[in-house]
């Protein structure tokens, strides 16, 4: 008699490789001026420059 799939034992996968190091997020320097403008607009209660709503 066949065993239903939900009754089969669960096998845990063992990773063969070492975990990767977190290198952090890349922050493109060409976007920094736009981020500063957005911070100022936010502080003034204005919408984001690209907000089309």
PDB file of N, CA and C in Angstrom:
ATOM      1  N   UNK A   1       0.851  -1.184   0.000  1.00  0.00           N
ATOM      2  CA  UNK A   1       0.000   0.000   0.000  1.00  0.00           C
ATOM      3  C   UNK A   1       0.897   1.248   0.000  1.00  0.00           C
ATOM      4  N   UNK A   2       0.581   2.214  -0.814  1.00  0.00           N
ATOM      5  CA  UNK A   2       1.377   3.428  -0.949  1.00  0.00           C
ATOM      6  C   UNK A   2       1.139   4.369   0.224  1.00  0.00           C
ATOM      7  N   UNK A   3       2.181   5.070   0.607  1.00  0.00           N
ATOM      8  CA  UNK A   3       2.100   6.047   1.701  1.00  0.00           C
ATOM      9  C   UNK A   3       1.770   7.407   1.090  1.00  0.00           C
ATOM     10  N   UNK A   4       0.779   8.140   1.628  1.00  0.00           N
ATOM     11  CA  UNK A   4       0.466   9.474   1.099  1.00  0.00           C
ATOM     12  C   UNK A   4       1.672  10.400   1.250  1.00  0.00           C
ATOM     13  N   UNK A   5       1.792  11.345   0.317  1.00  0.00           N
ATOM     14  CA  UNK A   5       2.941  12.245   0.288  1.00  0.00           C
ATOM     15  C   UNK A   5       3.065  13.057   1.568  1.00  0.00           C
ATOM     16  N   UNK A   6       1.954  13.439   2.170  1.00  0.00           N
ATOM     17  CA  UNK A   6       2.032  14.261   3.380  1.00  0.00           C
ATOM     18  C   UNK A   6       2.486  13.454   4.595  1.00  0.00           C
ATOM     19  N   UNK A   7       2.602  12.146   4.470  1.00  0.00           N
ATOM     20  CA  UNK A   7       3.071  11.294   5.568  1.00  0.00           C
ATOM     21  C   UNK A   7       4.542  10.908   5.432  1.00  0.00           C
ATOM     22  N   UNK A   8       5.186  11.266   4.322  1.00  0.00           N
ATOM     23  CA  UNK A   8       6.583  10.913   4.112  1.00  0.00           C
ATOM     24  C   UNK A   8       7.482  11.766   4.997  1.00  0.00           C
ATOM     25  N   UNK A   9       8.603  11.206   5.469  1.00  0.00           N
ATOM     26  CA  UNK A   9       9.518  12.013   6.293  1.00  0.00           C
ATOM     27  C   UNK A   9      10.148  13.126   5.465  1.00  0.00           C
ATOM     28  N   UNK A  10      10.436  14.229   6.139  1.00  0.00           N
ATOM     29  CA  UNK A  10      11.030  15.392   5.482  1.00  0.00           C
ATOM     30  C   UNK A  10      12.536  15.308   5.639  1.00  0.00           C
ATOM     31  N   UNK A  11      13.264  15.448   4.531  1.00  0.00           N
ATOM     32  CA  UNK A  11      14.716  15.476   4.579  1.00  0.00           C
ATOM     33  C   UNK A  11      15.181  16.921   4.567  1.00  0.00           C
ATOM     34  N   UNK A  12      16.127  17.223   5.387  1.00  0.00           N
ATOM     35  CA  UNK A  12      16.685  18.567   5.440  1.00  0.00           C
ATOM     36  C   UNK A  12      17.887  18.636   4.508  1.00  0.00           C
ATOM     37  N   UNK A  13      17.927  19.638   3.679  1.00  0.00           N
ATOM     38  CA  UNK A  13      19.062  19.815   2.769  1.00  0.00           C
ATOM     39  C   UNK A  13      20.242  20.383   3.542  1.00  0.00           C
ATOM     40  N   UNK A  14      21.407  19.889   3.258  1.00  0.00           N
ATOM     41  CA  UNK A  14      22.619  20.396   3.896  1.00  0.00           C
ATOM     42  C   UNK A  14      23.416  21.161   2.856  1.00  0.00           C
ATOM     43  N   UNK A  15      23.652  22.440   3.085  1.00  0.00           N
ATOM     44  CA  UNK A  15      24.417  23.204   2.095  1.00  0.00           C
ATOM     45  C   UNK A  15      25.865  22.738   2.039  1.00  0.00           C
ATOM     46  N   UNK A  16      26.382  22.582   0.832  1.00  0.00           N
ATOM     47  CA  UNK A  16      27.752  22.122   0.657  1.00  0.00           C
ATOM     48  C   UNK A  16      28.746  23.285   0.695  1.00  0.00           C
ATOM     49  N   UNK A  17      28.262  24.486   0.386  1.00  0.00           N
ATOM     50  CA  UNK A  17      29.151  25.647   0.321  1.00  0.00           C
ATOM     51  C   UNK A  17      29.054  26.475   1.597  1.00  0.00           C
ATOM     52  N   UNK A  18      30.099  27.271   1.835  1.00  0.00           N
ATOM     53  CA  UNK A  18      30.073  28.183   2.977  1.00  0.00           C
ATOM     54  C   UNK A  18      29.084  29.313   2.706  1.00  0.00           C
ATOM     55  N   UNK A  19      28.513  29.905   3.735  1.00  0.00           N
ATOM     56  CA  UNK A  19      27.614  31.055   3.526  1.00  0.00           C
ATOM     57  C   UNK A  19      28.391  32.237   2.943  1.00  0.00           C
ATOM     58  N   UNK A  20      27.732  33.002   2.113  1.00  0.00           N
ATOM     59  CA  UNK A  20      28.360  34.172   1.506  1.00  0.00           C
ATOM     60  C   UNK A  20      28.437  35.314   2.504  1.00  0.00           C
ATOM     61  N   UNK A  21      29.442  36.150   2.359  1.00  0.00           N
ATOM     62  CA  UNK A  21      29.567  37.330   3.209  1.00  0.00           C
ATOM     63  C   UNK A  21      28.654  38.422   2.671  1.00  0.00           C
ATOM     64  N   UNK A  22      28.080  39.179   3.584  1.00  0.00           N
ATOM     65  CA  UNK A  22      27.232  40.302   3.184  1.00  0.00           C
ATOM     66  C   UNK A  22      28.136  41.475   2.837  1.00  0.00           C
ATOM     67  N   UNK A  23      28.070  41.906   1.587  1.00  0.00           N
ATOM     68  CA  UNK A  23      28.914  43.011   1.138  1.00  0.00           C
ATOM     69  C   UNK A  23      28.217  44.362   1.281  1.00  0.00           C
ATOM     70  N   UNK A  24      27.003  44.371   1.765  1.00  0.00           N
ATOM     71  CA  UNK A  24      26.264  45.617   1.912  1.00  0.00           C
ATOM     72  C   UNK A  24      25.561  45.996   0.618  1.00  0.00           C
ATOM     73  N   UNK A  25      24.804  47.055   0.679  1.00  0.00           N
ATOM     74  CA  UNK A  25      24.074  47.528  -0.495  1.00  0.00           C
ATOM     75  C   UNK A  25      24.931  48.492  -1.298  1.00  0.00           C
ATOM     76  N   UNK A  26      24.828  48.367  -2.612  1.00  0.00           N
ATOM     77  CA  UNK A  26      25.530  49.308  -3.475  1.00  0.00           C
ATOM     78  C   UNK A  26      24.701  50.571  -3.582  1.00  0.00           C
ATOM     79  N   UNK A  27      25.283  51.707  -3.297  1.00  0.00           N
ATOM     80  CA  UNK A  27      24.604  53.001  -3.377  1.00  0.00           C
ATOM     81  C   UNK A  27      25.242  53.803  -4.501  1.00  0.00           C
ATOM     82  N   UNK A  28      24.590  53.834  -5.674  1.00  0.00           N
ATOM     83  CA  UNK A  28      25.180  54.561  -6.795  1.00  0.00           C
ATOM     84  C   UNK A  28      25.362  56.038  -6.451  1.00  0.00           C
ATOM     85  N   UNK A  29      26.570  56.573  -6.598  1.00  0.00           N
ATOM     86  CA  UNK A  29      26.819  57.965  -6.230  1.00  0.00           C
ATOM     87  C   UNK A  29      26.052  58.954  -7.102  1.00  0.00           C
ATOM     88  N   UNK A  30      25.698  58.558  -8.319  1.00  0.00           N
ATOM     89  CA  UNK A  30      24.962  59.485  -9.187  1.00  0.00           C
ATOM     90  C   UNK A  30      23.529  59.714  -8.716  1.00  0.00           C
ATOM     91  N   UNK A  31      23.021  58.893  -7.798  1.00  0.00           N
ATOM     92  CA  UNK A  31      21.661  59.083  -7.284  1.00  0.00           C
ATOM     93  C   UNK A  31      21.623  59.900  -5.991  1.00  0.00           C
ATOM     94  N   UNK A  32      22.756  60.137  -5.381  1.00  0.00           N
ATOM     95  CA  UNK A  32      22.783  60.865  -4.110  1.00  0.00           C
ATOM     96  C   UNK A  32      22.180  62.269  -4.201  1.00  0.00           C
ATOM     97  N   UNK A  33      22.451  63.073  -5.256  1.00  0.00           N
ATOM     98  CA  UNK A  33      21.802  64.391  -5.333  1.00  0.00           C
ATOM     99  C   UNK A  33      20.276  64.285  -5.384  1.00  0.00           C
ATOM    100  N   UNK A  34      19.771  63.279  -6.087  1.00  0.00           N
ATOM    101  CA  UNK A  34      18.311  63.107  -6.149  1.00  0.00           C
ATOM    102  C   UNK A  34      17.741  62.724  -4.789  1.00  0.00           C
ATOM    103  N   UNK A  35      18.490  61.935  -4.031  1.00  0.00           N
ATOM    104  CA  UNK A  35      18.034  61.554  -2.695  1.00  0.00           C
ATOM    105  C   UNK A  35      17.980  62.766  -1.767  1.00  0.00           C
ATOM    106  N   UNK A  36      18.973  63.650  -1.880  1.00  0.00           N
ATOM    107  CA  UNK A  36      18.964  64.866  -1.046  1.00  0.00           C
ATOM    108  C   UNK A  36      17.784  65.755  -1.394  1.00  0.00           C
ATOM    109  N   UNK A  37      17.488  65.904  -2.691  1.00  0.00           N
ATOM    110  CA  UNK A  37      16.329  66.702  -3.115  1.00  0.00           C
ATOM    111  C   UNK A  37      15.046  66.083  -2.564  1.00  0.00           C
ATOM    112  N   UNK A  38      14.963  64.761  -2.614  1.00  0.00           N
ATOM    113  CA  UNK A  38      13.775  64.072  -2.107  1.00  0.00           C
ATOM    114  C   UNK A  38      13.625  64.272  -0.603  1.00  0.00           C
ATOM    115  N   UNK A  39      14.737  64.271   0.138  1.00  0.00           N
ATOM    116  CA  UNK A  39      14.666  64.504   1.590  1.00  0.00           C
ATOM    117  C   UNK A  39      14.135  65.904   1.888  1.00  0.00           C
ATOM    118  N   UNK A  40      14.584  66.893   1.134  1.00  0.00           N
ATOM    119  CA  UNK A  40      14.122  68.272   1.334  1.00  0.00           C
ATOM    120  C   UNK A  40      12.636  68.366   1.021  1.00  0.00           C
ATOM    121  N   UNK A  41      12.221  67.794  -0.111  1.00  0.00           N
ATOM    122  CA  UNK A  41      10.806  67.839  -0.491  1.00  0.00           C
ATOM    123  C   UNK A  41       9.941  67.143   0.562  1.00  0.00           C
ATOM    124  N   UNK A  42      10.425  66.016   1.087  1.00  0.00           N
ATOM    125  CA  UNK A  42       9.683  65.296   2.122  1.00  0.00           C
ATOM    126  C   UNK A  42       9.537  66.162   3.372  1.00  0.00           C
ATOM    127  N   UNK A  43      10.617  66.835   3.742  1.00  0.00           N
ATOM    128  CA  UNK A  43      10.574  67.717   4.911  1.00  0.00           C
ATOM    129  C   UNK A  43       9.602  68.870   4.745  1.00  0.00           C
ATOM    130  N   UNK A  44       9.398  69.319   3.497  1.00  0.00           N
ATOM    131  CA  UNK A  44       8.453  70.400   3.226  1.00  0.00           C
ATOM    132  C   UNK A  44       7.028  69.915   3.018  1.00  0.00           C
ATOM    133  N   UNK A  45       6.842  68.602   3.077  1.00  0.00           N
ATOM    134  CA  UNK A  45       5.502  68.030   2.885  1.00  0.00           C
ATOM    135  C   UNK A  45       5.100  67.886   1.428  1.00  0.00           C
ATOM    136  N   UNK A  46       6.081  67.990   0.532  1.00  0.00           N
ATOM    137  CA  UNK A  46       5.806  67.862  -0.892  1.00  0.00           C
ATOM    138  C   UNK A  46       5.969  66.428  -1.342  1.00  0.00           C
ATOM    139  N   UNK A  47       5.287  66.031  -2.425  1.00  0.00           N
ATOM    140  CA  UNK A  47       5.434  64.654  -2.887  1.00  0.00           C
ATOM    141  C   UNK A  47       6.795  64.416  -3.538  1.00  0.00           C
ATOM    142  N   UNK A  48       7.115  63.183  -3.728  1.00  0.00           N
ATOM    143  CA  UNK A  48       8.334  62.788  -4.431  1.00  0.00           C
ATOM    144  C   UNK A  48       8.288  63.349  -5.829  1.00  0.00           C
ATOM    145  N   UNK A  49       9.446  63.692  -6.383  1.00  0.00           N
ATOM    146  CA  UNK A  49       9.530  64.267  -7.721  1.00  0.00           C
ATOM    147  C   UNK A  49       8.912  63.344  -8.771  1.00  0.00           C
ATOM    148  N   UNK A  50       9.046  62.044  -8.570  1.00  0.00           N
ATOM    149  CA  UNK A  50       8.567  61.070  -9.552  1.00  0.00           C
ATOM    150  C   UNK A  50       7.168  60.544  -9.220  1.00  0.00           C
ATOM    151  N   UNK A  51       6.515  61.114  -8.216  1.00  0.00           N
ATOM    152  CA  UNK A  51       5.160  60.673  -7.852  1.00  0.00           C
ATOM    153  C   UNK A  51       4.183  61.231  -8.856  1.00  0.00           C
ATOM    154  N   UNK A  52       3.559  60.350  -9.623  1.00  0.00           N
ATOM    155  CA  UNK A  52       2.632  60.776 -10.673  1.00  0.00           C
ATOM    156  C   UNK A  52       1.181  60.735 -10.203  1.00  0.00           C
ATOM    157  N   UNK A  53       0.947  60.329  -8.966  1.00  0.00           N
ATOM    158  CA  UNK A  53      -0.416  60.174  -8.462  1.00  0.00           C
ATOM    159  C   UNK A  53      -0.950  61.457  -8.055  1.00  0.00           C
TER     160      UNK A  53
END
